[in-house]
């Protein structure tokens, strides 16, 4: 008998003993008693590498998701800064403008879906509709220049 190796009798004794514990009732005892440790070491190293690679992929995915969230937040901050700049400037240029609102809307002509930037303008109620329409056109031209884009809508409180 090899020193340090379990006998069949010892194995059966331990197997019976483990059944006395209800939380271990589905446990199976396995003993690897090979003389060569290099096989076990290689399997252990392979298992570690596999586990580490899975963890690396998981961490990489997590980093990618966090980077996307960061980019989204940076984009929102940039849009808010642009909006703040536009709002300050438009109030100086158009003192009869009482409210300036920007939002995106999704619309369809049932052939395609499009996202459109909408500027909602609320003018002084004492202004005539003709004057409001003229101001709307001036704001449209100003926004085309500021945004370097003409794909947006202007809505206002014209009757």
N, C-alpha and C. Protein backbone atom coordinates (compact mmCIF):
# COMPACT_ATOMS: atom_id res chain seq x y z
N UNK A 1 0.84 -1.19 0.00
CA UNK A 1 0.00 0.00 0.00
C UNK A 1 0.88 1.24 0.00
N UNK A 2 0.52 2.23 -0.92
CA UNK A 2 1.26 3.49 -0.99
C UNK A 2 0.91 4.38 0.19
N UNK A 3 1.94 5.01 0.69
CA UNK A 3 1.73 5.95 1.79
C UNK A 3 0.97 7.16 1.24
N UNK A 4 -0.10 7.58 1.95
CA UNK A 4 -0.86 8.75 1.55
C UNK A 4 -2.02 8.46 0.61
N UNK A 5 -2.14 7.23 0.18
CA UNK A 5 -3.25 6.88 -0.71
C UNK A 5 -4.37 6.27 0.11
N UNK A 6 -5.62 6.56 -0.27
CA UNK A 6 -6.78 6.00 0.44
C UNK A 6 -7.02 4.56 0.00
N UNK A 7 -7.39 3.74 0.96
CA UNK A 7 -7.78 2.36 0.62
C UNK A 7 -9.26 2.39 0.26
N UNK A 8 -9.69 1.27 -0.33
CA UNK A 8 -11.10 1.14 -0.68
C UNK A 8 -11.96 1.21 0.58
N UNK A 9 -11.48 0.63 1.65
CA UNK A 9 -12.20 0.61 2.92
C UNK A 9 -12.38 2.05 3.45
N UNK A 10 -11.31 2.84 3.37
CA UNK A 10 -11.40 4.23 3.82
C UNK A 10 -12.36 5.04 2.95
N UNK A 11 -12.34 4.76 1.66
CA UNK A 11 -13.23 5.47 0.74
C UNK A 11 -14.69 5.15 1.08
N UNK A 12 -15.03 3.88 1.30
CA UNK A 12 -16.41 3.49 1.64
C UNK A 12 -16.82 4.09 2.98
N UNK A 13 -15.91 4.12 3.90
CA UNK A 13 -16.19 4.71 5.22
C UNK A 13 -16.57 6.19 5.05
N UNK A 14 -15.78 6.94 4.28
CA UNK A 14 -16.06 8.36 4.07
C UNK A 14 -17.36 8.58 3.29
N UNK A 15 -17.63 7.70 2.33
CA UNK A 15 -18.87 7.81 1.55
C UNK A 15 -20.09 7.61 2.43
N UNK A 16 -20.01 6.62 3.35
CA UNK A 16 -21.12 6.40 4.28
C UNK A 16 -21.25 7.56 5.25
N UNK A 17 -20.15 8.07 5.72
CA UNK A 17 -20.13 9.15 6.71
C UNK A 17 -20.78 10.43 6.14
N UNK A 18 -20.54 10.69 4.87
CA UNK A 18 -21.06 11.90 4.24
C UNK A 18 -22.58 11.87 4.13
N UNK A 19 -23.16 10.67 4.06
CA UNK A 19 -24.61 10.53 3.96
C UNK A 19 -25.31 10.91 5.26
N UNK A 20 -24.58 11.03 6.35
CA UNK A 20 -25.15 11.43 7.63
C UNK A 20 -25.50 12.93 7.67
N UNK A 21 -25.01 13.66 6.69
CA UNK A 21 -25.25 15.10 6.64
C UNK A 21 -26.25 15.39 5.51
N UNK A 22 -27.43 15.86 5.87
CA UNK A 22 -28.50 16.05 4.88
C UNK A 22 -28.10 17.07 3.80
N UNK A 23 -27.35 18.08 4.16
CA UNK A 23 -26.97 19.09 3.16
C UNK A 23 -25.92 18.56 2.17
N UNK A 24 -25.33 17.40 2.46
CA UNK A 24 -24.33 16.82 1.57
C UNK A 24 -24.83 15.55 0.89
N UNK A 25 -26.12 15.28 0.93
CA UNK A 25 -26.65 14.01 0.45
C UNK A 25 -26.42 13.77 -1.04
N UNK A 26 -26.31 14.84 -1.84
CA UNK A 26 -26.07 14.67 -3.28
C UNK A 26 -24.59 14.81 -3.64
N UNK A 27 -23.76 14.83 -2.64
CA UNK A 27 -22.32 15.00 -2.87
C UNK A 27 -21.68 13.68 -3.26
N UNK A 28 -20.79 13.75 -4.22
CA UNK A 28 -20.05 12.57 -4.66
C UNK A 28 -18.58 12.82 -4.35
N UNK A 29 -17.98 11.88 -3.67
CA UNK A 29 -16.56 11.99 -3.36
C UNK A 29 -15.74 11.43 -4.51
N UNK A 30 -14.76 12.20 -4.93
CA UNK A 30 -13.83 11.74 -5.96
C UNK A 30 -12.43 12.05 -5.48
N UNK A 31 -11.58 11.07 -5.55
CA UNK A 31 -10.18 11.25 -5.17
C UNK A 31 -9.32 10.87 -6.35
N UNK A 32 -8.46 11.77 -6.73
CA UNK A 32 -7.52 11.50 -7.80
C UNK A 32 -6.19 11.15 -7.13
N UNK A 33 -5.79 9.90 -7.26
CA UNK A 33 -4.60 9.44 -6.56
C UNK A 33 -3.50 9.01 -7.52
N UNK A 34 -3.49 9.64 -8.70
CA UNK A 34 -2.45 9.32 -9.66
C UNK A 34 -1.10 9.74 -9.09
N UNK A 35 -0.10 8.99 -9.47
CA UNK A 35 1.25 9.32 -9.00
C UNK A 35 1.77 10.58 -9.69
N UNK A 36 1.38 10.79 -10.94
CA UNK A 36 1.88 11.92 -11.70
C UNK A 36 1.03 13.15 -11.42
N UNK A 37 1.66 14.16 -10.88
CA UNK A 37 0.97 15.41 -10.59
C UNK A 37 0.93 16.33 -11.81
N UNK A 38 1.76 16.04 -12.81
CA UNK A 38 1.82 16.94 -13.96
C UNK A 38 0.50 16.94 -14.72
N UNK A 39 -0.21 15.82 -14.79
CA UNK A 39 -1.51 15.76 -15.47
C UNK A 39 -2.50 16.65 -14.74
N UNK A 40 -2.53 16.54 -13.43
CA UNK A 40 -3.45 17.37 -12.63
C UNK A 40 -3.09 18.84 -12.75
N UNK A 41 -1.82 19.14 -12.72
CA UNK A 41 -1.37 20.52 -12.83
C UNK A 41 -1.77 21.12 -14.17
N UNK A 42 -1.59 20.35 -15.23
CA UNK A 42 -1.97 20.84 -16.56
C UNK A 42 -3.47 21.11 -16.65
N UNK A 43 -4.27 20.18 -16.13
CA UNK A 43 -5.72 20.37 -16.14
C UNK A 43 -6.11 21.59 -15.31
N UNK A 44 -5.47 21.75 -14.17
CA UNK A 44 -5.74 22.88 -13.29
C UNK A 44 -5.39 24.19 -14.00
N UNK A 45 -4.26 24.23 -14.67
CA UNK A 45 -3.84 25.43 -15.39
C UNK A 45 -4.79 25.73 -16.54
N UNK A 46 -5.22 24.70 -17.26
CA UNK A 46 -6.19 24.90 -18.34
C UNK A 46 -7.49 25.47 -17.80
N UNK A 47 -7.94 24.93 -16.68
CA UNK A 47 -9.18 25.41 -16.05
C UNK A 47 -9.03 26.87 -15.63
N UNK A 48 -7.90 27.21 -15.05
CA UNK A 48 -7.65 28.60 -14.65
C UNK A 48 -7.64 29.53 -15.85
N UNK A 49 -6.98 29.12 -16.92
CA UNK A 49 -6.94 29.94 -18.13
C UNK A 49 -8.33 30.15 -18.71
N UNK A 50 -9.11 29.08 -18.73
CA UNK A 50 -10.47 29.17 -19.25
C UNK A 50 -11.31 30.13 -18.41
N UNK A 51 -11.22 29.98 -17.10
CA UNK A 51 -11.97 30.85 -16.18
C UNK A 51 -11.53 32.30 -16.34
N UNK A 52 -10.22 32.51 -16.44
CA UNK A 52 -9.69 33.87 -16.59
C UNK A 52 -10.12 34.48 -17.92
N UNK A 53 -10.15 33.67 -18.98
CA UNK A 53 -10.57 34.21 -20.28
C UNK A 53 -12.05 34.59 -20.25
N UNK A 54 -12.88 33.78 -19.57
CA UNK A 54 -14.29 34.13 -19.43
C UNK A 54 -14.45 35.42 -18.65
N UNK A 55 -13.68 35.55 -17.59
CA UNK A 55 -13.75 36.75 -16.77
C UNK A 55 -13.28 37.97 -17.56
N UNK A 56 -12.25 37.78 -18.37
CA UNK A 56 -11.73 38.86 -19.20
C UNK A 56 -12.77 39.33 -20.22
N UNK A 57 -13.46 38.39 -20.85
CA UNK A 57 -14.51 38.73 -21.81
C UNK A 57 -15.64 39.47 -21.10
N UNK A 58 -16.02 39.00 -19.93
CA UNK A 58 -17.08 39.65 -19.15
C UNK A 58 -16.69 41.08 -18.79
N UNK A 59 -15.46 41.26 -18.33
CA UNK A 59 -14.98 42.60 -17.96
C UNK A 59 -14.89 43.49 -19.18
N UNK A 60 -14.47 42.93 -20.30
CA UNK A 60 -14.38 43.70 -21.53
C UNK A 60 -15.76 44.18 -21.97
N UNK A 61 -16.76 43.30 -21.88
CA UNK A 61 -18.13 43.69 -22.22
C UNK A 61 -18.64 44.78 -21.29
N UNK A 62 -18.33 44.64 -20.02
CA UNK A 62 -18.74 45.63 -19.03
C UNK A 62 -18.09 46.99 -19.33
N UNK A 63 -16.83 46.99 -19.69
CA UNK A 63 -16.12 48.23 -20.03
C UNK A 63 -16.75 48.86 -21.27
N UNK A 64 -17.08 48.05 -22.27
CA UNK A 64 -17.71 48.57 -23.48
C UNK A 64 -19.06 49.22 -23.18
N UNK A 65 -19.85 48.58 -22.32
CA UNK A 65 -21.15 49.16 -21.94
C UNK A 65 -20.96 50.48 -21.21
N UNK A 66 -20.00 50.53 -20.29
CA UNK A 66 -19.74 51.76 -19.55
C UNK A 66 -19.23 52.87 -20.47
N UNK A 67 -18.40 52.51 -21.44
CA UNK A 67 -17.92 53.50 -22.42
C UNK A 67 -19.07 54.06 -23.24
N UNK A 68 -20.01 53.20 -23.61
CA UNK A 68 -21.18 53.66 -24.38
C UNK A 68 -22.02 54.61 -23.54
N UNK A 69 -22.22 54.28 -22.27
CA UNK A 69 -22.97 55.17 -21.38
C UNK A 69 -22.27 56.52 -21.24
N UNK A 70 -20.95 56.47 -21.11
CA UNK A 70 -20.16 57.70 -21.00
C UNK A 70 -20.30 58.54 -22.26
N UNK A 71 -20.22 57.91 -23.41
CA UNK A 71 -20.39 58.63 -24.68
C UNK A 71 -21.78 59.26 -24.78
N UNK A 72 -22.80 58.52 -24.35
CA UNK A 72 -24.17 59.05 -24.36
C UNK A 72 -24.28 60.28 -23.46
N UNK A 73 -23.69 60.19 -22.27
CA UNK A 73 -23.73 61.32 -21.34
C UNK A 73 -22.96 62.53 -21.88
N UNK A 74 -21.81 62.26 -22.50
CA UNK A 74 -21.05 63.36 -23.09
C UNK A 74 -21.84 64.03 -24.21
N UNK A 75 -22.54 63.23 -25.00
CA UNK A 75 -23.36 63.76 -26.08
C UNK A 75 -24.48 64.63 -25.52
N UNK A 76 -25.14 64.15 -24.46
CA UNK A 76 -26.20 64.94 -23.82
C UNK A 76 -25.66 66.25 -23.28
N UNK A 77 -24.50 66.19 -22.66
CA UNK A 77 -23.89 67.41 -22.12
C UNK A 77 -23.56 68.38 -23.24
N UNK A 78 -23.04 67.88 -24.33
CA UNK A 78 -22.70 68.72 -25.48
C UNK A 78 -23.96 69.37 -26.05
N UNK A 79 -25.05 68.58 -26.18
CA UNK A 79 -26.31 69.11 -26.69
C UNK A 79 -26.88 70.17 -25.76
N UNK A 80 -26.73 69.93 -24.46
CA UNK A 80 -27.24 70.91 -23.49
C UNK A 80 -26.44 72.21 -23.57
N UNK A 81 -25.12 72.10 -23.75
CA UNK A 81 -24.30 73.30 -23.89
C UNK A 81 -24.69 74.08 -25.15
N UNK A 82 -24.92 73.35 -26.24
CA UNK A 82 -25.34 74.00 -27.49
C UNK A 82 -26.69 74.68 -27.29
N UNK A 83 -27.63 73.98 -26.63
CA UNK A 83 -28.94 74.56 -26.37
C UNK A 83 -28.82 75.82 -25.52
N UNK A 84 -28.02 75.76 -24.45
CA UNK A 84 -27.86 76.93 -23.58
C UNK A 84 -27.30 78.12 -24.37
N UNK A 85 -26.34 77.84 -25.21
CA UNK A 85 -25.75 78.90 -26.03
C UNK A 85 -26.79 79.50 -26.98
N UNK A 86 -27.56 78.65 -27.65
CA UNK A 86 -28.61 79.12 -28.56
C UNK A 86 -29.66 79.93 -27.81
N UNK A 87 -30.06 79.43 -26.64
CA UNK A 87 -31.11 80.10 -25.86
C UNK A 87 -30.68 81.50 -25.44
N UNK A 88 -29.44 81.63 -24.99
CA UNK A 88 -28.95 82.95 -24.56
C UNK A 88 -28.92 83.92 -25.74
N UNK A 89 -28.41 83.43 -26.86
CA UNK A 89 -28.27 84.29 -28.03
C UNK A 89 -29.62 84.68 -28.62
N UNK A 90 -30.55 83.72 -28.70
CA UNK A 90 -31.85 84.00 -29.32
C UNK A 90 -32.65 84.99 -28.47
N UNK A 91 -32.48 84.94 -27.17
CA UNK A 91 -33.19 85.88 -26.29
C UNK A 91 -32.69 87.31 -26.51
N UNK A 92 -31.40 87.44 -26.77
CA UNK A 92 -30.83 88.77 -27.04
C UNK A 92 -31.31 89.30 -28.39
N UNK A 93 -31.33 88.42 -29.38
CA UNK A 93 -31.70 88.83 -30.74
C UNK A 93 -33.21 89.09 -30.85
N UNK A 94 -34.02 88.28 -30.17
CA UNK A 94 -35.47 88.38 -30.28
C UNK A 94 -36.09 88.61 -28.90
N UNK A 95 -36.14 89.85 -28.46
CA UNK A 95 -36.65 90.15 -27.11
C UNK A 95 -38.13 89.83 -26.92
N UNK A 96 -38.90 89.71 -28.01
CA UNK A 96 -40.32 89.36 -27.89
C UNK A 96 -40.55 87.86 -27.77
N UNK A 97 -39.50 87.10 -27.75
CA UNK A 97 -39.60 85.65 -27.59
C UNK A 97 -39.65 85.33 -26.10
N UNK A 98 -40.73 84.69 -25.66
CA UNK A 98 -40.91 84.40 -24.23
C UNK A 98 -40.53 82.98 -23.84
N UNK A 99 -40.54 82.09 -24.82
CA UNK A 99 -40.17 80.71 -24.51
C UNK A 99 -39.54 80.08 -25.74
N UNK A 100 -38.48 79.33 -25.49
CA UNK A 100 -37.73 78.66 -26.54
C UNK A 100 -37.56 77.21 -26.12
N UNK A 101 -38.07 76.30 -26.92
CA UNK A 101 -38.06 74.88 -26.55
C UNK A 101 -37.51 74.07 -27.72
N UNK A 102 -36.71 73.06 -27.40
CA UNK A 102 -36.15 72.19 -28.43
C UNK A 102 -36.43 70.74 -28.02
N UNK A 103 -36.88 69.95 -28.96
CA UNK A 103 -37.08 68.52 -28.71
C UNK A 103 -37.03 67.76 -30.02
N UNK A 104 -36.87 66.46 -29.91
CA UNK A 104 -36.89 65.60 -31.09
C UNK A 104 -38.24 64.92 -31.15
N UNK A 105 -38.74 64.77 -32.35
CA UNK A 105 -39.98 64.06 -32.55
C UNK A 105 -39.76 62.99 -33.62
N UNK A 106 -40.49 61.93 -33.48
CA UNK A 106 -40.41 60.84 -34.47
C UNK A 106 -41.69 60.87 -35.28
N UNK A 107 -41.53 60.88 -36.60
CA UNK A 107 -42.71 60.91 -37.44
C UNK A 107 -42.52 59.98 -38.63
N UNK A 108 -43.64 59.65 -39.26
CA UNK A 108 -43.59 58.75 -40.40
C UNK A 108 -44.59 59.20 -41.45
N UNK A 109 -44.26 58.92 -42.69
CA UNK A 109 -45.22 59.09 -43.79
C UNK A 109 -45.70 57.71 -44.24
N UNK A 110 -45.46 56.73 -43.39
CA UNK A 110 -45.82 55.32 -43.58
C UNK A 110 -44.97 54.61 -44.61
N UNK A 111 -43.98 55.32 -45.12
CA UNK A 111 -42.97 54.69 -45.98
C UNK A 111 -41.64 54.62 -45.25
N UNK A 112 -41.38 55.66 -44.45
CA UNK A 112 -40.16 55.68 -43.66
C UNK A 112 -40.40 56.45 -42.37
N UNK A 113 -39.55 56.18 -41.41
CA UNK A 113 -39.62 56.83 -40.11
C UNK A 113 -38.46 57.80 -40.02
N UNK A 114 -38.74 58.98 -39.47
CA UNK A 114 -37.70 60.00 -39.40
C UNK A 114 -37.75 60.68 -38.04
N UNK A 115 -36.58 61.06 -37.55
CA UNK A 115 -36.47 61.83 -36.32
C UNK A 115 -36.18 63.27 -36.72
N UNK A 116 -36.99 64.19 -36.20
CA UNK A 116 -36.86 65.59 -36.59
C UNK A 116 -36.68 66.45 -35.35
N UNK A 117 -35.78 67.40 -35.45
CA UNK A 117 -35.56 68.36 -34.39
C UNK A 117 -36.63 69.45 -34.52
N UNK A 118 -37.31 69.77 -33.40
CA UNK A 118 -38.39 70.75 -33.41
C UNK A 118 -38.04 71.89 -32.47
N UNK A 119 -38.21 73.10 -32.95
CA UNK A 119 -38.03 74.30 -32.14
C UNK A 119 -39.41 74.90 -31.93
N UNK A 120 -39.81 75.01 -30.68
CA UNK A 120 -41.10 75.58 -30.34
C UNK A 120 -40.87 76.99 -29.80
N UNK A 121 -41.49 77.97 -30.44
CA UNK A 121 -41.29 79.37 -30.07
C UNK A 121 -42.60 79.95 -29.55
N UNK A 122 -42.52 80.62 -28.43
CA UNK A 122 -43.70 81.33 -27.90
C UNK A 122 -43.37 82.81 -27.86
N UNK A 123 -44.13 83.53 -28.70
CA UNK A 123 -43.90 84.97 -28.84
C UNK A 123 -44.83 85.74 -27.92
N UNK A 124 -44.48 86.99 -27.73
CA UNK A 124 -45.31 87.92 -26.98
C UNK A 124 -46.72 87.88 -27.59
N UNK A 125 -47.73 87.70 -26.76
CA UNK A 125 -49.12 87.56 -27.24
C UNK A 125 -49.63 88.83 -27.92
N UNK A 126 -49.01 89.94 -27.62
CA UNK A 126 -49.45 91.22 -28.20
C UNK A 126 -49.01 91.38 -29.66
N UNK A 127 -48.09 90.54 -30.11
CA UNK A 127 -47.65 90.62 -31.50
C UNK A 127 -48.74 90.09 -32.43
N UNK A 128 -48.85 90.71 -33.59
CA UNK A 128 -49.78 90.25 -34.61
C UNK A 128 -49.25 88.95 -35.22
N UNK A 129 -50.14 88.13 -35.73
CA UNK A 129 -49.75 86.86 -36.35
C UNK A 129 -48.78 87.07 -37.51
N UNK A 130 -49.02 88.09 -38.28
CA UNK A 130 -48.14 88.37 -39.42
C UNK A 130 -46.72 88.64 -38.94
N UNK A 131 -46.59 89.37 -37.85
CA UNK A 131 -45.27 89.66 -37.28
C UNK A 131 -44.62 88.38 -36.74
N UNK A 132 -45.42 87.54 -36.08
CA UNK A 132 -44.90 86.27 -35.54
C UNK A 132 -44.39 85.37 -36.68
N UNK A 133 -45.14 85.32 -37.77
CA UNK A 133 -44.73 84.50 -38.92
C UNK A 133 -43.42 85.02 -39.51
N UNK A 134 -43.29 86.33 -39.58
CA UNK A 134 -42.06 86.94 -40.08
C UNK A 134 -40.88 86.61 -39.15
N UNK A 135 -41.12 86.72 -37.83
CA UNK A 135 -40.08 86.38 -36.84
C UNK A 135 -39.70 84.90 -36.92
N UNK A 136 -40.71 84.04 -37.13
CA UNK A 136 -40.44 82.61 -37.27
C UNK A 136 -39.47 82.36 -38.43
N UNK A 137 -39.69 83.06 -39.54
CA UNK A 137 -38.83 82.88 -40.71
C UNK A 137 -37.41 83.39 -40.41
N UNK A 138 -37.32 84.50 -39.69
CA UNK A 138 -36.01 85.02 -39.30
C UNK A 138 -35.28 84.03 -38.39
N UNK A 139 -36.01 83.46 -37.45
CA UNK A 139 -35.41 82.46 -36.54
C UNK A 139 -34.97 81.23 -37.34
N UNK A 140 -35.79 80.83 -38.29
CA UNK A 140 -35.43 79.67 -39.14
C UNK A 140 -34.09 79.92 -39.84
N UNK A 141 -33.93 81.06 -40.44
CA UNK A 141 -32.69 81.40 -41.13
C UNK A 141 -31.51 81.46 -40.16
N UNK A 142 -31.74 82.03 -39.00
CA UNK A 142 -30.69 82.12 -37.99
C UNK A 142 -30.27 80.72 -37.52
N UNK A 143 -31.25 79.84 -37.28
CA UNK A 143 -30.95 78.47 -36.84
C UNK A 143 -30.23 77.67 -37.93
N UNK A 144 -30.62 77.88 -39.19
CA UNK A 144 -29.91 77.21 -40.30
C UNK A 144 -28.43 77.55 -40.24
N UNK A 145 -28.15 78.83 -40.01
CA UNK A 145 -26.76 79.28 -39.92
C UNK A 145 -26.06 78.71 -38.69
N UNK A 146 -26.72 78.77 -37.54
CA UNK A 146 -26.12 78.31 -36.28
C UNK A 146 -25.86 76.80 -36.29
N UNK A 147 -26.82 76.06 -36.82
CA UNK A 147 -26.73 74.59 -36.78
C UNK A 147 -26.04 74.02 -38.02
N UNK A 148 -25.87 74.84 -39.04
CA UNK A 148 -25.34 74.38 -40.31
C UNK A 148 -26.15 73.20 -40.83
N UNK A 149 -27.47 73.36 -40.69
CA UNK A 149 -28.40 72.29 -41.04
C UNK A 149 -29.77 72.93 -41.23
N UNK A 150 -30.54 72.44 -42.16
CA UNK A 150 -31.88 73.00 -42.35
C UNK A 150 -32.98 71.96 -42.16
N UNK A 151 -32.62 70.84 -41.54
CA UNK A 151 -33.61 69.79 -41.31
C UNK A 151 -34.12 69.91 -39.88
N UNK A 152 -35.13 70.77 -39.73
CA UNK A 152 -35.78 70.97 -38.44
C UNK A 152 -37.11 71.66 -38.70
N UNK A 153 -37.94 71.69 -37.69
CA UNK A 153 -39.24 72.36 -37.79
C UNK A 153 -39.31 73.50 -36.81
N UNK A 154 -40.06 74.52 -37.19
CA UNK A 154 -40.34 75.64 -36.28
C UNK A 154 -41.84 75.60 -36.00
N UNK A 155 -42.18 75.61 -34.74
CA UNK A 155 -43.58 75.71 -34.32
C UNK A 155 -43.68 76.92 -33.41
N UNK A 156 -44.83 77.59 -33.50
CA UNK A 156 -44.98 78.76 -32.63
C UNK A 156 -46.44 78.99 -32.31
N UNK A 157 -46.69 79.99 -31.48
CA UNK A 157 -48.03 80.29 -31.02
C UNK A 157 -48.74 81.27 -31.96
N UNK A 158 -48.67 80.99 -33.26
CA UNK A 158 -49.43 81.79 -34.22
C UNK A 158 -50.84 81.22 -34.29
N UNK A 159 -51.80 82.08 -34.50
CA UNK A 159 -53.21 81.62 -34.53
C UNK A 159 -53.58 81.04 -35.85
